[in-house]
Amino acid sequence: MEINNFKQILAWQKAHQLTLIVYKAVGHLPDYEKYNLISQMIRAAVSVGANIVEGFARLGLSDSLRFYNIAEASLEELKYHTLLCFDRGYFNQQQYQYLSVLEDEVGRVLKGWIKSQIKNKKDFT
């Protein structure tokens, strides 16, 4: 199936779901984390989906891969923030595991998307 719109990309769909869940999860963090951990988690989560979109919009493979790599890095940053929330007592074990499973799923699907793009796309740059 040919993908004509970023909304059709499974990696973006999963990243978007994760972002919406992160917004809900950080709503329970203390107010004093508003400009620290809350802001960082939201920015990292949004960055995953946004960079998938930007990578999809690029014509050249190397250009696209650069944005997909940023999405991967942002996901890793989010994983750290999730762990930090658990270690600080902001998330309980169940919340931490739930977010971690979702983050890992986004990572797997994103890696699959990247592999498919490398296999199917020619580099124009």
N, C-alpha and C. Protein backbone atom coordinates (compact mmCIF):
# COMPACT_ATOMS: atom_id res chain seq x y z
N MET A 1 0.84 -1.18 0.00
CA MET A 1 0.00 0.00 0.00
C MET A 1 0.89 1.25 0.00
N GLU A 2 0.59 2.14 -0.89
CA GLU A 2 1.34 3.39 -0.96
C GLU A 2 0.85 4.35 0.12
N ILE A 3 1.78 4.98 0.77
CA ILE A 3 1.44 5.93 1.83
C ILE A 3 1.55 7.34 1.26
N ASN A 4 0.42 8.06 1.28
CA ASN A 4 0.35 9.40 0.71
C ASN A 4 0.24 10.50 1.77
N ASN A 5 0.06 10.11 3.01
CA ASN A 5 -0.21 11.06 4.08
C ASN A 5 0.46 10.55 5.35
N PHE A 6 1.09 11.43 6.10
CA PHE A 6 1.79 11.00 7.31
C PHE A 6 0.89 10.27 8.29
N LYS A 7 -0.41 10.57 8.26
CA LYS A 7 -1.34 9.92 9.18
C LYS A 7 -1.49 8.43 8.90
N GLN A 8 -1.05 7.99 7.73
CA GLN A 8 -1.10 6.58 7.38
C GLN A 8 0.11 5.80 7.91
N ILE A 9 1.11 6.48 8.41
CA ILE A 9 2.32 5.83 8.89
C ILE A 9 2.06 5.28 10.30
N LEU A 10 2.19 3.98 10.46
CA LEU A 10 1.93 3.35 11.75
C LEU A 10 2.83 3.92 12.84
N ALA A 11 4.07 4.19 12.53
CA ALA A 11 4.99 4.76 13.52
C ALA A 11 4.48 6.11 14.02
N TRP A 12 3.95 6.93 13.11
CA TRP A 12 3.40 8.22 13.53
C TRP A 12 2.16 7.99 14.40
N GLN A 13 1.28 7.07 13.99
CA GLN A 13 0.06 6.80 14.75
C GLN A 13 0.39 6.40 16.19
N LYS A 14 1.36 5.51 16.33
CA LYS A 14 1.77 5.06 17.67
C LYS A 14 2.41 6.21 18.46
N ALA A 15 3.24 6.99 17.79
CA ALA A 15 3.89 8.13 18.46
C ALA A 15 2.84 9.15 18.90
N HIS A 16 1.84 9.38 18.07
CA HIS A 16 0.78 10.33 18.42
C HIS A 16 -0.01 9.84 19.63
N GLN A 17 -0.34 8.54 19.64
CA GLN A 17 -1.03 7.96 20.80
C GLN A 17 -0.20 8.16 22.07
N LEU A 18 1.09 7.87 21.96
CA LEU A 18 1.98 8.03 23.11
C LEU A 18 1.99 9.48 23.59
N THR A 19 2.04 10.41 22.67
CA THR A 19 2.06 11.83 23.03
C THR A 19 0.81 12.21 23.82
N LEU A 20 -0.34 11.76 23.36
CA LEU A 20 -1.59 12.07 24.07
C LEU A 20 -1.58 11.48 25.48
N ILE A 21 -1.03 10.29 25.62
CA ILE A 21 -0.94 9.65 26.94
C ILE A 21 0.04 10.39 27.84
N VAL A 22 1.15 10.84 27.27
CA VAL A 22 2.13 11.60 28.05
C VAL A 22 1.49 12.88 28.58
N TYR A 23 0.72 13.57 27.74
CA TYR A 23 0.03 14.78 28.20
C TYR A 23 -0.83 14.48 29.43
N LYS A 24 -1.55 13.35 29.40
CA LYS A 24 -2.38 12.99 30.56
C LYS A 24 -1.51 12.63 31.76
N ALA A 25 -0.47 11.87 31.53
CA ALA A 25 0.38 11.38 32.62
C ALA A 25 1.05 12.52 33.38
N VAL A 26 1.53 13.51 32.65
CA VAL A 26 2.25 14.60 33.33
C VAL A 26 1.31 15.55 34.06
N GLY A 27 0.03 15.44 33.79
CA GLY A 27 -0.95 16.26 34.49
C GLY A 27 -1.00 15.97 35.98
N HIS A 28 -0.45 14.83 36.38
CA HIS A 28 -0.45 14.44 37.79
C HIS A 28 0.86 14.76 38.50
N LEU A 29 1.80 15.34 37.78
CA LEU A 29 3.08 15.70 38.39
C LEU A 29 2.93 16.98 39.21
N PRO A 30 3.80 17.18 40.19
CA PRO A 30 3.71 18.39 41.01
C PRO A 30 3.89 19.67 40.18
N ASP A 31 3.25 20.72 40.62
CA ASP A 31 3.31 22.00 39.91
C ASP A 31 4.73 22.51 39.74
N TYR A 32 5.60 22.24 40.72
CA TYR A 32 6.97 22.75 40.61
C TYR A 32 7.77 22.09 39.50
N GLU A 33 7.23 21.03 38.89
CA GLU A 33 7.88 20.39 37.74
C GLU A 33 7.38 20.95 36.41
N LYS A 34 6.49 21.94 36.46
CA LYS A 34 5.86 22.48 35.25
C LYS A 34 6.89 22.92 34.21
N TYR A 35 7.90 23.64 34.61
CA TYR A 35 8.87 24.16 33.65
C TYR A 35 10.12 23.29 33.57
N ASN A 36 10.08 22.16 34.23
CA ASN A 36 11.21 21.24 34.19
C ASN A 36 10.78 19.93 33.53
N LEU A 37 10.45 18.97 34.34
CA LEU A 37 10.16 17.63 33.84
C LEU A 37 8.91 17.59 32.95
N ILE A 38 7.87 18.28 33.33
CA ILE A 38 6.65 18.28 32.53
C ILE A 38 6.93 18.83 31.14
N SER A 39 7.56 19.97 31.08
CA SER A 39 7.89 20.59 29.80
C SER A 39 8.80 19.69 28.96
N GLN A 40 9.80 19.10 29.59
CA GLN A 40 10.73 18.24 28.86
C GLN A 40 10.05 17.00 28.31
N MET A 41 9.17 16.40 29.09
CA MET A 41 8.48 15.19 28.63
C MET A 41 7.56 15.49 27.46
N ILE A 42 6.83 16.58 27.56
CA ILE A 42 5.93 16.95 26.46
C ILE A 42 6.73 17.27 25.21
N ARG A 43 7.79 18.02 25.36
CA ARG A 43 8.61 18.38 24.19
C ARG A 43 9.21 17.14 23.53
N ALA A 44 9.70 16.20 24.33
CA ALA A 44 10.29 14.98 23.78
C ALA A 44 9.23 14.14 23.07
N ALA A 45 8.06 13.99 23.70
CA ALA A 45 6.99 13.20 23.10
C ALA A 45 6.52 13.81 21.78
N VAL A 46 6.29 15.11 21.78
CA VAL A 46 5.85 15.79 20.56
C VAL A 46 6.91 15.68 19.47
N SER A 47 8.16 15.75 19.85
CA SER A 47 9.26 15.69 18.89
C SER A 47 9.29 14.37 18.13
N VAL A 48 8.91 13.29 18.77
CA VAL A 48 8.92 11.99 18.09
C VAL A 48 8.00 12.04 16.87
N GLY A 49 6.74 12.36 17.09
CA GLY A 49 5.79 12.41 15.98
C GLY A 49 6.11 13.50 14.97
N ALA A 50 6.52 14.66 15.45
CA ALA A 50 6.82 15.78 14.55
C ALA A 50 7.98 15.45 13.62
N ASN A 51 8.98 14.76 14.12
CA ASN A 51 10.12 14.43 13.27
C ASN A 51 9.82 13.29 12.30
N ILE A 52 8.89 12.42 12.65
CA ILE A 52 8.43 11.42 11.68
C ILE A 52 7.74 12.15 10.53
N VAL A 53 6.89 13.11 10.85
CA VAL A 53 6.19 13.89 9.83
C VAL A 53 7.18 14.64 8.95
N GLU A 54 8.14 15.30 9.57
CA GLU A 54 9.10 16.07 8.78
C GLU A 54 9.97 15.16 7.91
N GLY A 55 10.37 14.02 8.45
CA GLY A 55 11.14 13.07 7.65
C GLY A 55 10.36 12.56 6.46
N PHE A 56 9.07 12.31 6.66
CA PHE A 56 8.21 11.84 5.57
C PHE A 56 8.09 12.88 4.47
N ALA A 57 8.13 14.15 4.84
CA ALA A 57 7.97 15.24 3.86
C ALA A 57 9.23 15.48 3.04
N ARG A 58 10.35 14.95 3.46
CA ARG A 58 11.61 15.17 2.75
C ARG A 58 11.71 14.24 1.55
N LEU A 59 12.36 14.72 0.49
CA LEU A 59 12.49 13.92 -0.73
C LEU A 59 13.65 12.93 -0.67
N GLY A 60 14.77 13.35 -0.17
CA GLY A 60 15.94 12.49 -0.18
C GLY A 60 15.98 11.57 1.02
N LEU A 61 16.50 10.37 0.81
CA LEU A 61 16.59 9.38 1.88
C LEU A 61 17.46 9.88 3.02
N SER A 62 18.62 10.42 2.71
CA SER A 62 19.51 10.86 3.79
C SER A 62 18.87 11.98 4.61
N ASP A 63 18.15 12.85 3.95
CA ASP A 63 17.45 13.93 4.64
C ASP A 63 16.34 13.34 5.54
N SER A 64 15.57 12.41 4.98
CA SER A 64 14.51 11.76 5.76
C SER A 64 15.09 11.04 6.97
N LEU A 65 16.17 10.31 6.75
CA LEU A 65 16.76 9.52 7.84
C LEU A 65 17.26 10.40 8.98
N ARG A 66 17.72 11.59 8.65
CA ARG A 66 18.17 12.50 9.70
C ARG A 66 17.01 12.82 10.66
N PHE A 67 15.84 13.08 10.12
CA PHE A 67 14.69 13.40 10.97
C PHE A 67 14.18 12.16 11.71
N TYR A 68 14.23 11.00 11.06
CA TYR A 68 13.82 9.78 11.75
C TYR A 68 14.77 9.48 12.91
N ASN A 69 16.06 9.79 12.72
CA ASN A 69 17.03 9.60 13.79
C ASN A 69 16.75 10.54 14.96
N ILE A 70 16.34 11.76 14.65
CA ILE A 70 15.97 12.71 15.72
C ILE A 70 14.75 12.17 16.47
N ALA A 71 13.80 11.58 15.74
CA ALA A 71 12.63 10.98 16.39
C ALA A 71 13.06 9.87 17.35
N GLU A 72 14.00 9.04 16.91
CA GLU A 72 14.51 7.97 17.78
C GLU A 72 15.18 8.55 19.02
N ALA A 73 15.98 9.58 18.83
CA ALA A 73 16.68 10.20 19.96
C ALA A 73 15.69 10.84 20.94
N SER A 74 14.67 11.47 20.42
CA SER A 74 13.65 12.07 21.29
C SER A 74 12.91 10.99 22.08
N LEU A 75 12.68 9.86 21.45
CA LEU A 75 12.03 8.75 22.15
C LEU A 75 12.91 8.25 23.29
N GLU A 76 14.20 8.15 23.05
CA GLU A 76 15.12 7.73 24.12
C GLU A 76 15.12 8.74 25.26
N GLU A 77 15.07 10.02 24.91
CA GLU A 77 14.99 11.06 25.94
C GLU A 77 13.72 10.89 26.77
N LEU A 78 12.61 10.62 26.10
CA LEU A 78 11.34 10.41 26.80
C LEU A 78 11.42 9.20 27.73
N LYS A 79 12.08 8.15 27.28
CA LYS A 79 12.25 6.96 28.13
C LYS A 79 12.99 7.31 29.41
N TYR A 80 14.00 8.14 29.29
CA TYR A 80 14.73 8.56 30.50
C TYR A 80 13.83 9.37 31.43
N HIS A 81 13.08 10.29 30.87
CA HIS A 81 12.19 11.11 31.69
C HIS A 81 11.14 10.24 32.40
N THR A 82 10.66 9.22 31.71
CA THR A 82 9.69 8.30 32.31
C THR A 82 10.32 7.57 33.49
N LEU A 83 11.54 7.10 33.31
CA LEU A 83 12.26 6.44 34.40
C LEU A 83 12.49 7.41 35.57
N LEU A 84 12.84 8.63 35.25
CA LEU A 84 13.07 9.63 36.29
C LEU A 84 11.79 9.89 37.09
N CYS A 85 10.66 9.96 36.40
CA CYS A 85 9.38 10.14 37.09
C CYS A 85 9.11 8.97 38.04
N PHE A 86 9.43 7.77 37.60
CA PHE A 86 9.25 6.60 38.46
C PHE A 86 10.18 6.68 39.67
N ASP A 87 11.44 6.97 39.41
CA ASP A 87 12.43 7.04 40.50
C ASP A 87 12.12 8.16 41.50
N ARG A 88 11.50 9.22 41.04
CA ARG A 88 11.14 10.34 41.93
C ARG A 88 9.81 10.09 42.65
N GLY A 89 9.12 9.00 42.29
CA GLY A 89 7.86 8.67 42.93
C GLY A 89 6.65 9.33 42.31
N TYR A 90 6.82 9.94 41.15
CA TYR A 90 5.69 10.57 40.46
C TYR A 90 4.82 9.54 39.74
N PHE A 91 5.43 8.47 39.25
CA PHE A 91 4.71 7.36 38.62
C PHE A 91 4.87 6.13 39.49
N ASN A 92 3.80 5.37 39.65
CA ASN A 92 3.93 4.09 40.35
C ASN A 92 4.42 3.03 39.35
N GLN A 93 4.63 1.83 39.83
CA GLN A 93 5.16 0.75 38.99
C GLN A 93 4.27 0.50 37.77
N GLN A 94 2.97 0.48 37.97
CA GLN A 94 2.03 0.21 36.88
C GLN A 94 2.08 1.32 35.82
N GLN A 95 2.10 2.57 36.24
CA GLN A 95 2.18 3.68 35.30
C GLN A 95 3.49 3.65 34.52
N TYR A 96 4.58 3.38 35.24
CA TYR A 96 5.89 3.31 34.60
C TYR A 96 5.93 2.19 33.56
N GLN A 97 5.44 1.01 33.93
CA GLN A 97 5.46 -0.11 32.99
C GLN A 97 4.58 0.16 31.78
N TYR A 98 3.43 0.76 32.01
CA TYR A 98 2.51 1.07 30.91
C TYR A 98 3.18 2.00 29.90
N LEU A 99 3.77 3.08 30.39
CA LEU A 99 4.45 4.02 29.50
C LEU A 99 5.67 3.38 28.83
N SER A 100 6.41 2.59 29.58
CA SER A 100 7.60 1.93 29.02
C SER A 100 7.24 0.99 27.88
N VAL A 101 6.17 0.24 28.06
CA VAL A 101 5.72 -0.67 27.00
C VAL A 101 5.33 0.12 25.75
N LEU A 102 4.60 1.21 25.93
CA LEU A 102 4.21 2.05 24.79
C LEU A 102 5.44 2.65 24.10
N GLU A 103 6.39 3.12 24.89
CA GLU A 103 7.61 3.70 24.33
C GLU A 103 8.39 2.66 23.53
N ASP A 104 8.49 1.44 24.08
CA ASP A 104 9.19 0.37 23.36
C ASP A 104 8.48 0.01 22.07
N GLU A 105 7.15 0.01 22.10
CA GLU A 105 6.37 -0.29 20.90
C GLU A 105 6.60 0.77 19.83
N VAL A 106 6.59 2.02 20.21
CA VAL A 106 6.87 3.10 19.26
C VAL A 106 8.27 2.90 18.67
N GLY A 107 9.23 2.57 19.50
CA GLY A 107 10.59 2.35 19.03
C GLY A 107 10.69 1.22 18.02
N ARG A 108 10.01 0.10 18.29
CA ARG A 108 10.03 -1.04 17.36
C ARG A 108 9.40 -0.67 16.02
N VAL A 109 8.24 -0.03 16.09
CA VAL A 109 7.53 0.33 14.86
C VAL A 109 8.33 1.38 14.08
N LEU A 110 8.93 2.32 14.77
CA LEU A 110 9.74 3.35 14.10
C LEU A 110 10.95 2.72 13.42
N LYS A 111 11.61 1.78 14.08
CA LYS A 111 12.75 1.09 13.45
C LYS A 111 12.31 0.35 12.20
N GLY A 112 11.14 -0.28 12.26
CA GLY A 112 10.60 -0.97 11.09
C GLY A 112 10.32 0.00 9.95
N TRP A 113 9.77 1.15 10.27
CA TRP A 113 9.50 2.18 9.26
C TRP A 113 10.81 2.63 8.61
N ILE A 114 11.81 2.87 9.42
CA ILE A 114 13.10 3.33 8.90
C ILE A 114 13.70 2.27 7.97
N LYS A 115 13.65 1.01 8.38
CA LYS A 115 14.18 -0.07 7.54
C LYS A 115 13.44 -0.14 6.21
N SER A 116 12.13 0.04 6.24
CA SER A 116 11.35 0.00 5.00
C SER A 116 11.71 1.16 4.08
N GLN A 117 11.99 2.31 4.67
CA GLN A 117 12.36 3.47 3.86
C GLN A 117 13.74 3.28 3.23
N ILE A 118 14.65 2.69 3.97
CA ILE A 118 15.98 2.43 3.42
C ILE A 118 15.88 1.44 2.27
N LYS A 119 15.02 0.45 2.42
CA LYS A 119 14.85 -0.58 1.40
C LYS A 119 14.18 -0.04 0.14
N ASN A 120 13.23 0.85 0.29
CA ASN A 120 12.37 1.26 -0.82
C ASN A 120 12.63 2.63 -1.42
N LYS A 121 13.42 3.46 -0.75
CA LYS A 121 13.57 4.84 -1.20
C LYS A 121 14.94 5.06 -1.81
N LYS A 122 14.98 5.82 -2.86
CA LYS A 122 16.25 6.21 -3.46
C LYS A 122 16.65 7.57 -2.91
N ASP A 123 17.95 7.78 -2.83
CA ASP A 123 18.43 9.05 -2.30
C ASP A 123 18.59 10.06 -3.44
N PHE A 124 17.95 11.21 -3.30
CA PHE A 124 18.01 12.26 -4.32
C PHE A 124 18.96 13.37 -3.95
N THR A 125 19.60 13.27 -2.78
CA THR A 125 20.48 14.35 -2.34
C THR A 125 21.93 14.03 -2.61
